[in-house]
Protein backbone atom coordinates (compact mmCIF):
# COMPACT_ATOMS: atom_id res chain seq x y z
CA UNK A 1 0.00 0.00 0.00
CA UNK A 2 1.33 3.44 -0.90
CA UNK A 3 0.05 7.01 -1.18
CA UNK A 4 1.26 9.59 -3.64
CA UNK A 5 1.24 12.98 -1.87
CA UNK A 6 2.53 16.06 -3.74
CA UNK A 7 4.65 13.81 -6.02
CA UNK A 8 6.04 11.86 -3.06
CA UNK A 9 5.21 8.22 -2.47
CA UNK A 10 4.78 6.96 1.09
CA UNK A 11 4.85 3.35 2.17
CA UNK A 12 4.07 1.63 5.46
CA UNK A 13 7.24 1.76 7.55
CA UNK A 14 8.41 5.19 6.36
CA UNK A 15 9.43 7.75 8.98
CA UNK A 16 8.22 11.28 8.21
CA UNK A 17 7.98 14.68 9.90
CA UNK A 18 4.83 16.73 10.43
CA UNK A 19 3.79 19.93 12.15
CA UNK A 20 1.92 19.04 15.33
CA UNK A 21 -0.19 21.56 17.18
CA UNK A 22 -0.33 21.06 20.95
CA UNK A 23 -3.96 20.20 21.75
CA UNK A 24 -3.70 21.91 25.14
CA UNK A 25 -1.98 25.09 23.92
CA UNK A 26 -3.22 25.87 20.42
CA UNK A 27 -0.56 28.51 19.73
CA UNK A 28 2.29 25.99 20.14
CA UNK A 29 3.35 23.98 17.09
CA UNK A 30 6.33 21.64 16.88
CA UNK A 31 7.90 19.38 14.29
CA UNK A 32 7.28 15.77 15.24
CA UNK A 33 8.48 12.48 13.86
CA UNK A 34 5.70 10.10 12.80
CA UNK A 35 5.53 6.64 11.29
CA UNK A 36 3.56 5.75 8.19
CA UNK A 37 1.54 2.61 9.01
CA UNK A 38 -1.44 0.66 7.73
CA UNK A 39 -4.63 2.20 9.10
CA UNK A 40 -6.00 -0.31 11.64
CA UNK A 41 -9.56 0.94 11.00
CA UNK A 42 -9.23 0.60 7.22
CA UNK A 43 -6.45 -1.79 6.12
CA UNK A 44 -6.68 -0.43 2.56
CA UNK A 45 -5.38 3.00 3.67
CA UNK A 46 -2.23 4.41 5.18
CA UNK A 47 -2.17 6.42 8.40
CA UNK A 48 0.32 8.41 10.45
CA UNK A 49 1.07 7.02 13.89
CA UNK A 50 1.88 9.87 16.26
CA UNK A 51 1.56 9.99 20.06
CA UNK A 52 -0.17 6.60 20.21
CA UNK A 53 -2.86 7.86 17.78
CA UNK A 54 -3.58 7.06 14.14
CA UNK A 55 -4.24 9.96 11.76
CA UNK A 56 -5.42 9.37 8.17
CA UNK A 57 -2.62 10.09 5.71
CA UNK A 58 -4.04 12.36 3.05
CA UNK A 59 -3.01 15.06 0.60
CA UNK A 60 -4.30 17.65 3.10
CA UNK A 61 -1.33 17.09 5.44
CA UNK A 62 2.08 18.71 5.22
CA UNK A 63 4.33 15.66 5.41
CA UNK A 64 8.12 15.89 5.09
CA UNK A 65 10.61 13.13 4.40
CA UNK A 66 13.50 15.05 5.98
CA UNK A 67 13.82 17.06 9.16
CA UNK A 68 15.75 19.70 7.23
CA UNK A 69 12.85 20.40 4.85
CA UNK A 70 10.38 20.43 7.74
CA UNK A 71 12.56 22.93 9.64
CA UNK A 72 12.90 25.14 6.55
CA UNK A 73 9.13 25.31 6.05
CA UNK A 74 8.54 25.72 9.79
CA UNK A 75 10.90 28.72 9.74
CA UNK A 76 8.98 30.17 6.79
CA UNK A 77 5.52 29.75 8.35
CA UNK A 78 6.17 30.12 12.09
CA UNK A 79 9.54 31.86 12.54
CA UNK A 80 12.35 30.32 14.57
CA UNK A 81 12.22 26.58 14.99
CA UNK A 82 11.05 26.03 18.54
CA UNK A 83 12.99 23.86 20.90
CA UNK A 84 11.21 20.57 20.80
CA UNK A 85 11.81 16.87 21.18
CA UNK A 86 13.71 16.62 17.88
CA UNK A 87 16.36 19.18 18.72
PDB file of N, CA and C in Angstrom:
ATOM      1  N   UNK A   1       0.857  -1.175   0.000  1.00  0.00           N
ATOM      2  CA  UNK A   1       0.000   0.000   0.000  1.00  0.00           C
ATOM      3  C   UNK A   1       0.901   1.235   0.000  1.00  0.00           C
ATOM      4  N   UNK A   2       0.568   2.199  -0.851  1.00  0.00           N
ATOM      5  CA  UNK A   2       1.327   3.442  -0.899  1.00  0.00           C
ATOM      6  C   UNK A   2       0.375   4.588  -1.205  1.00  0.00           C
ATOM      7  N   UNK A   3       0.813   5.801  -0.882  1.00  0.00           N
ATOM      8  CA  UNK A   3       0.046   7.006  -1.178  1.00  0.00           C
ATOM      9  C   UNK A   3       0.965   7.995  -1.857  1.00  0.00           C
ATOM     10  N   UNK A   4       0.496   8.555  -2.945  1.00  0.00           N
ATOM     11  CA  UNK A   4       1.259   9.592  -3.639  1.00  0.00           C
ATOM     12  C   UNK A   4       0.749  10.935  -3.137  1.00  0.00           C
ATOM     13  N   UNK A   5       1.610  11.710  -2.469  1.00  0.00           N
ATOM     14  CA  UNK A   5       1.240  12.982  -1.866  1.00  0.00           C
ATOM     15  C   UNK A   5       2.198  14.038  -2.380  1.00  0.00           C
ATOM     16  N   UNK A   6       1.678  14.980  -3.218  1.00  0.00           N
ATOM     17  CA  UNK A   6       2.527  16.057  -3.744  1.00  0.00           C
ATOM     18  C   UNK A   6       3.763  15.481  -4.433  1.00  0.00           C
ATOM     19  N   UNK A   7       3.572  14.467  -5.261  1.00  0.00           N
ATOM     20  CA  UNK A   7       4.648  13.814  -6.017  1.00  0.00           C
ATOM     21  C   UNK A   7       5.624  13.035  -5.137  1.00  0.00           C
ATOM     22  N   UNK A   8       5.234  12.723  -3.924  1.00  0.00           N
ATOM     23  CA  UNK A   8       6.042  11.860  -3.056  1.00  0.00           C
ATOM     24  C   UNK A   8       5.233  10.603  -2.764  1.00  0.00           C
ATOM     25  N   UNK A   9       5.883   9.479  -2.754  1.00  0.00           N
ATOM     26  CA  UNK A   9       5.206   8.223  -2.466  1.00  0.00           C
ATOM     27  C   UNK A   9       5.579   7.778  -1.062  1.00  0.00           C
ATOM     28  N   UNK A  10       4.563   7.435  -0.275  1.00  0.00           N
ATOM     29  CA  UNK A  10       4.779   6.961   1.090  1.00  0.00           C
ATOM     30  C   UNK A  10       4.360   5.510   1.180  1.00  0.00           C
ATOM     31  N   UNK A  11       5.120   4.762   1.954  1.00  0.00           N
ATOM     32  CA  UNK A  11       4.851   3.351   2.174  1.00  0.00           C
ATOM     33  C   UNK A  11       4.826   3.081   3.666  1.00  0.00           C
ATOM     34  N   UNK A  12       4.075   2.047   4.057  1.00  0.00           N
ATOM     35  CA  UNK A  12       4.071   1.633   5.459  1.00  0.00           C
ATOM     36  C   UNK A  12       5.515   1.374   5.888  1.00  0.00           C
ATOM     37  N   UNK A  13       5.879   1.905   7.032  1.00  0.00           N
ATOM     38  CA  UNK A  13       7.240   1.755   7.549  1.00  0.00           C
ATOM     39  C   UNK A  13       8.089   3.002   7.387  1.00  0.00           C
ATOM     40  N   UNK A  14       7.657   3.940   6.536  1.00  0.00           N
ATOM     41  CA  UNK A  14       8.408   5.190   6.360  1.00  0.00           C
ATOM     42  C   UNK A  14       8.338   6.041   7.630  1.00  0.00           C
ATOM     43  N   UNK A  15       9.398   6.763   7.903  1.00  0.00           N
ATOM     44  CA  UNK A  15       9.429   7.754   8.979  1.00  0.00           C
ATOM     45  C   UNK A  15       9.360   9.122   8.320  1.00  0.00           C
ATOM     46  N   UNK A  16       8.438   9.961   8.785  1.00  0.00           N
ATOM     47  CA  UNK A  16       8.222  11.281   8.210  1.00  0.00           C
ATOM     48  C   UNK A  16       8.153  12.315   9.332  1.00  0.00           C
ATOM     49  N   UNK A  17       8.049  13.573   8.944  1.00  0.00           N
ATOM     50  CA  UNK A  17       7.983  14.680   9.896  1.00  0.00           C
ATOM     51  C   UNK A  17       6.765  15.531   9.570  1.00  0.00           C
ATOM     52  N   UNK A  18       6.037  15.935  10.601  1.00  0.00           N
ATOM     53  CA  UNK A  18       4.827  16.727  10.432  1.00  0.00           C
ATOM     54  C   UNK A  18       4.823  17.862  11.446  1.00  0.00           C
ATOM     55  N   UNK A  19       4.032  18.886  11.162  1.00  0.00           N
ATOM     56  CA  UNK A  19       3.791  19.933  12.152  1.00  0.00           C
ATOM     57  C   UNK A  19       2.681  19.431  13.059  1.00  0.00           C
ATOM     58  N   UNK A  20       2.895  19.525  14.359  1.00  0.00           N
ATOM     59  CA  UNK A  20       1.916  19.039  15.325  1.00  0.00           C
ATOM     60  C   UNK A  20       1.562  20.168  16.269  1.00  0.00           C
ATOM     61  N   UNK A  21       0.287  20.499  16.299  1.00  0.00           N
ATOM     62  CA  UNK A  21      -0.193  21.559  17.181  1.00  0.00           C
ATOM     63  C   UNK A  21      -0.553  20.945  18.522  1.00  0.00           C
ATOM     64  N   UNK A  22      -0.039  21.526  19.599  1.00  0.00           N
ATOM     65  CA  UNK A  22      -0.326  21.060  20.947  1.00  0.00           C
ATOM     66  C   UNK A  22      -1.822  21.204  21.214  1.00  0.00           C
ATOM     67  N   UNK A  23      -2.518  20.108  21.537  1.00  0.00           N
ATOM     68  CA  UNK A  23      -3.964  20.201  21.746  1.00  0.00           C
ATOM     69  C   UNK A  23      -4.346  21.001  22.990  1.00  0.00           C
ATOM     70  N   UNK A  24      -3.408  21.179  23.909  1.00  0.00           N
ATOM     71  CA  UNK A  24      -3.698  21.911  25.144  1.00  0.00           C
ATOM     72  C   UNK A  24      -3.329  23.391  25.040  1.00  0.00           C
ATOM     73  N   UNK A  25      -2.425  23.709  24.143  1.00  0.00           N
ATOM     74  CA  UNK A  25      -1.984  25.086  23.923  1.00  0.00           C
ATOM     75  C   UNK A  25      -1.955  25.309  22.421  1.00  0.00           C
ATOM     76  N   UNK A  26      -3.044  25.797  21.859  1.00  0.00           N
ATOM     77  CA  UNK A  26      -3.220  25.873  20.417  1.00  0.00           C
ATOM     78  C   UNK A  26      -2.206  26.757  19.700  1.00  0.00           C
ATOM     79  N   UNK A  27      -1.533  27.656  20.412  1.00  0.00           N
ATOM     80  CA  UNK A  27      -0.562  28.513  19.733  1.00  0.00           C
ATOM     81  C   UNK A  27       0.846  27.926  19.744  1.00  0.00           C
ATOM     82  N   UNK A  28       0.994  26.666  20.128  1.00  0.00           N
ATOM     83  CA  UNK A  28       2.291  25.992  20.142  1.00  0.00           C
ATOM     84  C   UNK A  28       2.283  24.888  19.091  1.00  0.00           C
ATOM     85  N   UNK A  29       3.212  24.986  18.141  1.00  0.00           N
ATOM     86  CA  UNK A  29       3.351  23.984  17.088  1.00  0.00           C
ATOM     87  C   UNK A  29       4.795  23.519  17.059  1.00  0.00           C
ATOM     88  N   UNK A  30       4.990  22.227  16.933  1.00  0.00           N
ATOM     89  CA  UNK A  30       6.325  21.638  16.876  1.00  0.00           C
ATOM     90  C   UNK A  30       6.431  20.719  15.668  1.00  0.00           C
ATOM     91  N   UNK A  31       7.642  20.402  15.298  1.00  0.00           N
ATOM     92  CA  UNK A  31       7.896  19.378  14.293  1.00  0.00           C
ATOM     93  C   UNK A  31       8.008  18.059  15.046  1.00  0.00           C
ATOM     94  N   UNK A  32       7.258  17.073  14.592  1.00  0.00           N
ATOM     95  CA  UNK A  32       7.276  15.771  15.244  1.00  0.00           C
ATOM     96  C   UNK A  32       7.547  14.671  14.226  1.00  0.00           C
ATOM     97  N   UNK A  33       8.252  13.665  14.673  1.00  0.00           N
ATOM     98  CA  UNK A  33       8.480  12.482  13.860  1.00  0.00           C
ATOM     99  C   UNK A  33       7.249  11.585  13.952  1.00  0.00           C
ATOM    100  N   UNK A  34       6.844  11.008  12.833  1.00  0.00           N
ATOM    101  CA  UNK A  34       5.698  10.100  12.797  1.00  0.00           C
ATOM    102  C   UNK A  34       6.039   8.918  11.897  1.00  0.00           C
ATOM    103  N   UNK A  35       5.347   7.826  12.122  1.00  0.00           N
ATOM    104  CA  UNK A  35       5.531   6.639  11.293  1.00  0.00           C
ATOM    105  C   UNK A  35       4.342   6.478  10.356  1.00  0.00           C
ATOM    106  N   UNK A  36       4.615   6.095   9.124  1.00  0.00           N
ATOM    107  CA  UNK A  36       3.558   5.751   8.188  1.00  0.00           C
ATOM    108  C   UNK A  36       3.240   4.272   8.424  1.00  0.00           C
ATOM    109  N   UNK A  37       1.967   3.976   8.683  1.00  0.00           N
ATOM    110  CA  UNK A  37       1.541   2.613   9.006  1.00  0.00           C
ATOM    111  C   UNK A  37       0.249   2.292   8.255  1.00  0.00           C
ATOM    112  N   UNK A  38      -0.133   1.041   8.259  1.00  0.00           N
ATOM    113  CA  UNK A  38      -1.437   0.659   7.729  1.00  0.00           C
ATOM    114  C   UNK A  38      -2.491   1.122   8.732  1.00  0.00           C
ATOM    115  N   UNK A  39      -3.561   1.700   8.244  1.00  0.00           N
ATOM    116  CA  UNK A  39      -4.632   2.197   9.099  1.00  0.00           C
ATOM    117  C   UNK A  39      -5.371   1.000   9.710  1.00  0.00           C
ATOM    118  N   UNK A  40      -5.357   0.856  11.045  1.00  0.00           N
ATOM    119  CA  UNK A  40      -6.004  -0.313  11.643  1.00  0.00           C
ATOM    120  C   UNK A  40      -7.523  -0.314  11.458  1.00  0.00           C
ATOM    121  N   UNK A  41      -8.118   0.852  11.216  1.00  0.00           N
ATOM    122  CA  UNK A  41      -9.565   0.936  11.004  1.00  0.00           C
ATOM    123  C   UNK A  41      -9.945   0.687   9.553  1.00  0.00           C
ATOM    124  N   UNK A  42      -8.988   0.854   8.645  1.00  0.00           N
ATOM    125  CA  UNK A  42      -9.227   0.597   7.225  1.00  0.00           C
ATOM    126  C   UNK A  42      -7.917   0.092   6.622  1.00  0.00           C
ATOM    127  N   UNK A  43      -7.727  -1.218   6.587  1.00  0.00           N
ATOM    128  CA  UNK A  43      -6.454  -1.792   6.120  1.00  0.00           C
ATOM    129  C   UNK A  43      -6.087  -1.457   4.684  1.00  0.00           C
ATOM    130  N   UNK A  44      -6.975  -0.825   3.933  1.00  0.00           N
ATOM    131  CA  UNK A  44      -6.682  -0.427   2.559  1.00  0.00           C
ATOM    132  C   UNK A  44      -6.068   0.960   2.483  1.00  0.00           C
ATOM    133  N   UNK A  45      -5.910   1.638   3.631  1.00  0.00           N
ATOM    134  CA  UNK A  45      -5.378   3.002   3.671  1.00  0.00           C
ATOM    135  C   UNK A  45      -4.159   3.089   4.572  1.00  0.00           C
ATOM    136  N   UNK A  46      -3.360   4.118   4.319  1.00  0.00           N
ATOM    137  CA  UNK A  46      -2.233   4.413   5.179  1.00  0.00           C
ATOM    138  C   UNK A  46      -2.640   5.449   6.217  1.00  0.00           C
ATOM    139  N   UNK A  47      -1.924   5.462   7.333  1.00  0.00           N
ATOM    140  CA  UNK A  47      -2.167   6.423   8.397  1.00  0.00           C
ATOM    141  C   UNK A  47      -0.826   6.856   8.964  1.00  0.00           C
ATOM    142  N   UNK A  48      -0.840   7.981   9.679  1.00  0.00           N
ATOM    143  CA  UNK A  48       0.322   8.409  10.450  1.00  0.00           C
ATOM    144  C   UNK A  48       0.116   7.965  11.883  1.00  0.00           C
ATOM    145  N   UNK A  49       1.144   7.408  12.489  1.00  0.00           N
ATOM    146  CA  UNK A  49       1.073   7.020  13.892  1.00  0.00           C
ATOM    147  C   UNK A  49       1.912   8.015  14.668  1.00  0.00           C
ATOM    148  N   UNK A  50       1.241   8.775  15.531  1.00  0.00           N
ATOM    149  CA  UNK A  50       1.884   9.865  16.262  1.00  0.00           C
ATOM    150  C   UNK A  50       1.255   9.951  17.639  1.00  0.00           C
ATOM    151  N   UNK A  51       2.061   9.915  18.678  1.00  0.00           N
ATOM    152  CA  UNK A  51       1.564   9.990  20.058  1.00  0.00           C
ATOM    153  C   UNK A  51       0.474   8.952  20.328  1.00  0.00           C
ATOM    154  N   UNK A  52       0.739   7.713  19.957  1.00  0.00           N
ATOM    155  CA  UNK A  52      -0.172   6.598  20.208  1.00  0.00           C
ATOM    156  C   UNK A  52      -1.542   6.771  19.542  1.00  0.00           C
ATOM    157  N   UNK A  53      -1.608   7.599  18.489  1.00  0.00           N
ATOM    158  CA  UNK A  53      -2.858   7.855  17.778  1.00  0.00           C
ATOM    159  C   UNK A  53      -2.624   7.702  16.279  1.00  0.00           C
ATOM    160  N   UNK A  54      -3.628   7.193  15.589  1.00  0.00           N
ATOM    161  CA  UNK A  54      -3.578   7.055  14.143  1.00  0.00           C
ATOM    162  C   UNK A  54      -4.298   8.229  13.502  1.00  0.00           C
ATOM    163  N   UNK A  55      -3.653   8.858  12.512  1.00  0.00           N
ATOM    164  CA  UNK A  55      -4.239   9.960  11.757  1.00  0.00           C
ATOM    165  C   UNK A  55      -4.255   9.561  10.288  1.00  0.00           C
ATOM    166  N   UNK A  56      -5.391   9.728   9.602  1.00  0.00           N
ATOM    167  CA  UNK A  56      -5.419   9.375   8.173  1.00  0.00           C
ATOM    168  C   UNK A  56      -4.346  10.148   7.400  1.00  0.00           C
ATOM    169  N   UNK A  57      -3.628   9.460   6.559  1.00  0.00           N
ATOM    170  CA  UNK A  57      -2.621  10.094   5.708  1.00  0.00           C
ATOM    171  C   UNK A  57      -3.313  10.528   4.434  1.00  0.00           C
ATOM    172  N   UNK A  58      -3.346  11.837   4.220  1.00  0.00           N
ATOM    173  CA  UNK A  58      -4.043  12.358   3.047  1.00  0.00           C
ATOM    174  C   UNK A  58      -3.231  13.486   2.432  1.00  0.00           C
ATOM    175  N   UNK A  59      -3.678  13.950   1.280  1.00  0.00           N
ATOM    176  CA  UNK A  59      -3.013  15.058   0.604  1.00  0.00           C
ATOM    177  C   UNK A  59      -3.224  16.389   1.313  1.00  0.00           C
ATOM    178  N   UNK A  60      -4.047  16.422   2.349  1.00  0.00           N
ATOM    179  CA  UNK A  60      -4.299  17.647   3.099  1.00  0.00           C
ATOM    180  C   UNK A  60      -3.260  17.900   4.179  1.00  0.00           C
ATOM    181  N   UNK A  61      -2.358  16.953   4.409  1.00  0.00           N
ATOM    182  CA  UNK A  61      -1.335  17.090   5.443  1.00  0.00           C
ATOM    183  C   UNK A  61      -0.006  17.536   4.847  1.00  0.00           C
ATOM    184  N   UNK A  62       0.704  18.350   5.592  1.00  0.00           N
ATOM    185  CA  UNK A  62       2.076  18.710   5.216  1.00  0.00           C
ATOM    186  C   UNK A  62       2.986  17.649   5.829  1.00  0.00           C
ATOM    187  N   UNK A  63       3.502  16.782   4.978  1.00  0.00           N
ATOM    188  CA  UNK A  63       4.335  15.664   5.415  1.00  0.00           C
ATOM    189  C   UNK A  63       5.703  15.832   4.772  1.00  0.00           C
ATOM    190  N   UNK A  64       6.753  15.690   5.571  1.00  0.00           N
ATOM    191  CA  UNK A  64       8.121  15.891   5.086  1.00  0.00           C
ATOM    192  C   UNK A  64       8.924  14.621   5.281  1.00  0.00           C
ATOM    193  N   UNK A  65       9.758  14.321   4.307  1.00  0.00           N
ATOM    194  CA  UNK A  65      10.608  13.135   4.402  1.00  0.00           C
ATOM    195  C   UNK A  65      11.928  13.425   5.091  1.00  0.00           C
ATOM    196  N   UNK A  66      12.255  14.708   5.283  1.00  0.00           N
ATOM    197  CA  UNK A  66      13.496  15.046   5.978  1.00  0.00           C
ATOM    198  C   UNK A  66      13.223  16.126   7.022  1.00  0.00           C
ATOM    199  N   UNK A  67      13.944  16.055   8.097  1.00  0.00           N
ATOM    200  CA  UNK A  67      13.819  17.059   9.157  1.00  0.00           C
ATOM    201  C   UNK A  67      14.271  18.421   8.647  1.00  0.00           C
ATOM    202  N   UNK A  68      15.246  18.434   7.750  1.00  0.00           N
ATOM    203  CA  UNK A  68      15.754  19.701   7.226  1.00  0.00           C
ATOM    204  C   UNK A  68      14.670  20.463   6.451  1.00  0.00           C
ATOM    205  N   UNK A  69      13.929  19.751   5.607  1.00  0.00           N
ATOM    206  CA  UNK A  69      12.854  20.398   4.850  1.00  0.00           C
ATOM    207  C   UNK A  69      11.736  20.857   5.785  1.00  0.00           C
ATOM    208  N   UNK A  70      11.408  20.045   6.773  1.00  0.00           N
ATOM    209  CA  UNK A  70      10.377  20.431   7.742  1.00  0.00           C
ATOM    210  C   UNK A  70      10.801  21.686   8.502  1.00  0.00           C
ATOM    211  N   UNK A  71      12.073  21.748   8.919  1.00  0.00           N
ATOM    212  CA  UNK A  71      12.557  22.926   9.641  1.00  0.00           C
ATOM    213  C   UNK A  71      12.563  24.171   8.756  1.00  0.00           C
ATOM    214  N   UNK A  72      12.896  24.004   7.485  1.00  0.00           N
ATOM    215  CA  UNK A  72      12.902  25.137   6.552  1.00  0.00           C
ATOM    216  C   UNK A  72      11.480  25.703   6.400  1.00  0.00           C
ATOM    217  N   UNK A  73      10.512  24.839   6.195  1.00  0.00           N
ATOM    218  CA  UNK A  73       9.133  25.312   6.055  1.00  0.00           C
ATOM    219  C   UNK A  73       8.587  25.844   7.372  1.00  0.00           C
ATOM    220  N   UNK A  74       8.966  25.222   8.486  1.00  0.00           N
ATOM    221  CA  UNK A  74       8.538  25.721   9.792  1.00  0.00           C
ATOM    222  C   UNK A  74       9.035  27.152   9.980  1.00  0.00           C
ATOM    223  N   UNK A  75      10.298  27.376   9.640  1.00  0.00           N
ATOM    224  CA  UNK A  75      10.896  28.715   9.741  1.00  0.00           C
ATOM    225  C   UNK A  75      10.104  29.710   8.893  1.00  0.00           C
ATOM    226  N   UNK A  76       9.724  29.306   7.689  1.00  0.00           N
ATOM    227  CA  UNK A  76       8.977  30.171   6.785  1.00  0.00           C
ATOM    228  C   UNK A  76       7.604  30.528   7.361  1.00  0.00           C
ATOM    229  N   UNK A  77       6.893  29.527   7.887  1.00  0.00           N
ATOM    230  CA  UNK A  77       5.522  29.747   8.352  1.00  0.00           C
ATOM    231  C   UNK A  77       5.407  30.242   9.790  1.00  0.00           C
ATOM    232  N   UNK A  78       6.321  29.822  10.670  1.00  0.00           N
ATOM    233  CA  UNK A  78       6.173  30.118  12.087  1.00  0.00           C
ATOM    234  C   UNK A  78       7.320  30.925  12.694  1.00  0.00           C
ATOM    235  N   UNK A  79       8.381  31.166  11.965  1.00  0.00           N
ATOM    236  CA  UNK A  79       9.540  31.863  12.540  1.00  0.00           C
ATOM    237  C   UNK A  79      10.560  30.851  13.016  1.00  0.00           C
ATOM    238  N   UNK A  80      11.297  31.189  14.063  1.00  0.00           N
ATOM    239  CA  UNK A  80      12.350  30.318  14.572  1.00  0.00           C
ATOM    240  C   UNK A  80      11.809  28.942  14.920  1.00  0.00           C
ATOM    241  N   UNK A  81      12.589  27.926  14.618  1.00  0.00           N
ATOM    242  CA  UNK A  81      12.223  26.575  14.986  1.00  0.00           C
ATOM    243  C   UNK A  81      12.260  26.500  16.498  1.00  0.00           C
ATOM    244  N   UNK A  82      11.130  26.092  17.077  1.00  0.00           N
ATOM    245  CA  UNK A  82      11.052  26.031  18.541  1.00  0.00           C
ATOM    246  C   UNK A  82      11.873  24.854  19.054  1.00  0.00           C
ATOM    247  N   UNK A  83      12.263  24.971  20.292  1.00  0.00           N
ATOM    248  CA  UNK A  83      12.992  23.864  20.897  1.00  0.00           C
ATOM    249  C   UNK A  83      11.987  22.787  21.222  1.00  0.00           C
ATOM    250  N   UNK A  84      12.145  21.655  20.599  1.00  0.00           N
ATOM    251  CA  UNK A  84      11.205  20.575  20.798  1.00  0.00           C
ATOM    252  C   UNK A  84      11.939  19.269  20.947  1.00  0.00           C
ATOM    253  N   UNK A  85      11.207  18.181  20.964  1.00  0.00           N
ATOM    254  CA  UNK A  85      11.813  16.870  21.182  1.00  0.00           C
ATOM    255  C   UNK A  85      12.833  16.469  20.136  1.00  0.00           C
ATOM    256  N   UNK A  86      12.780  17.045  18.916  1.00  0.00           N
ATOM    257  CA  UNK A  86      13.708  16.620  17.875  1.00  0.00           C
ATOM    258  C   UNK A  86      15.024  17.386  17.895  1.00  0.00           C
ATOM    259  N   UNK A  87      15.129  18.390  18.714  1.00  0.00           N
ATOM    260  CA  UNK A  87      16.364  19.183  18.718  1.00  0.00           C
ATOM    261  C   UNK A  87      17.286  18.763  19.836  1.00  0.00           C
TER     262      UNK A  87
END
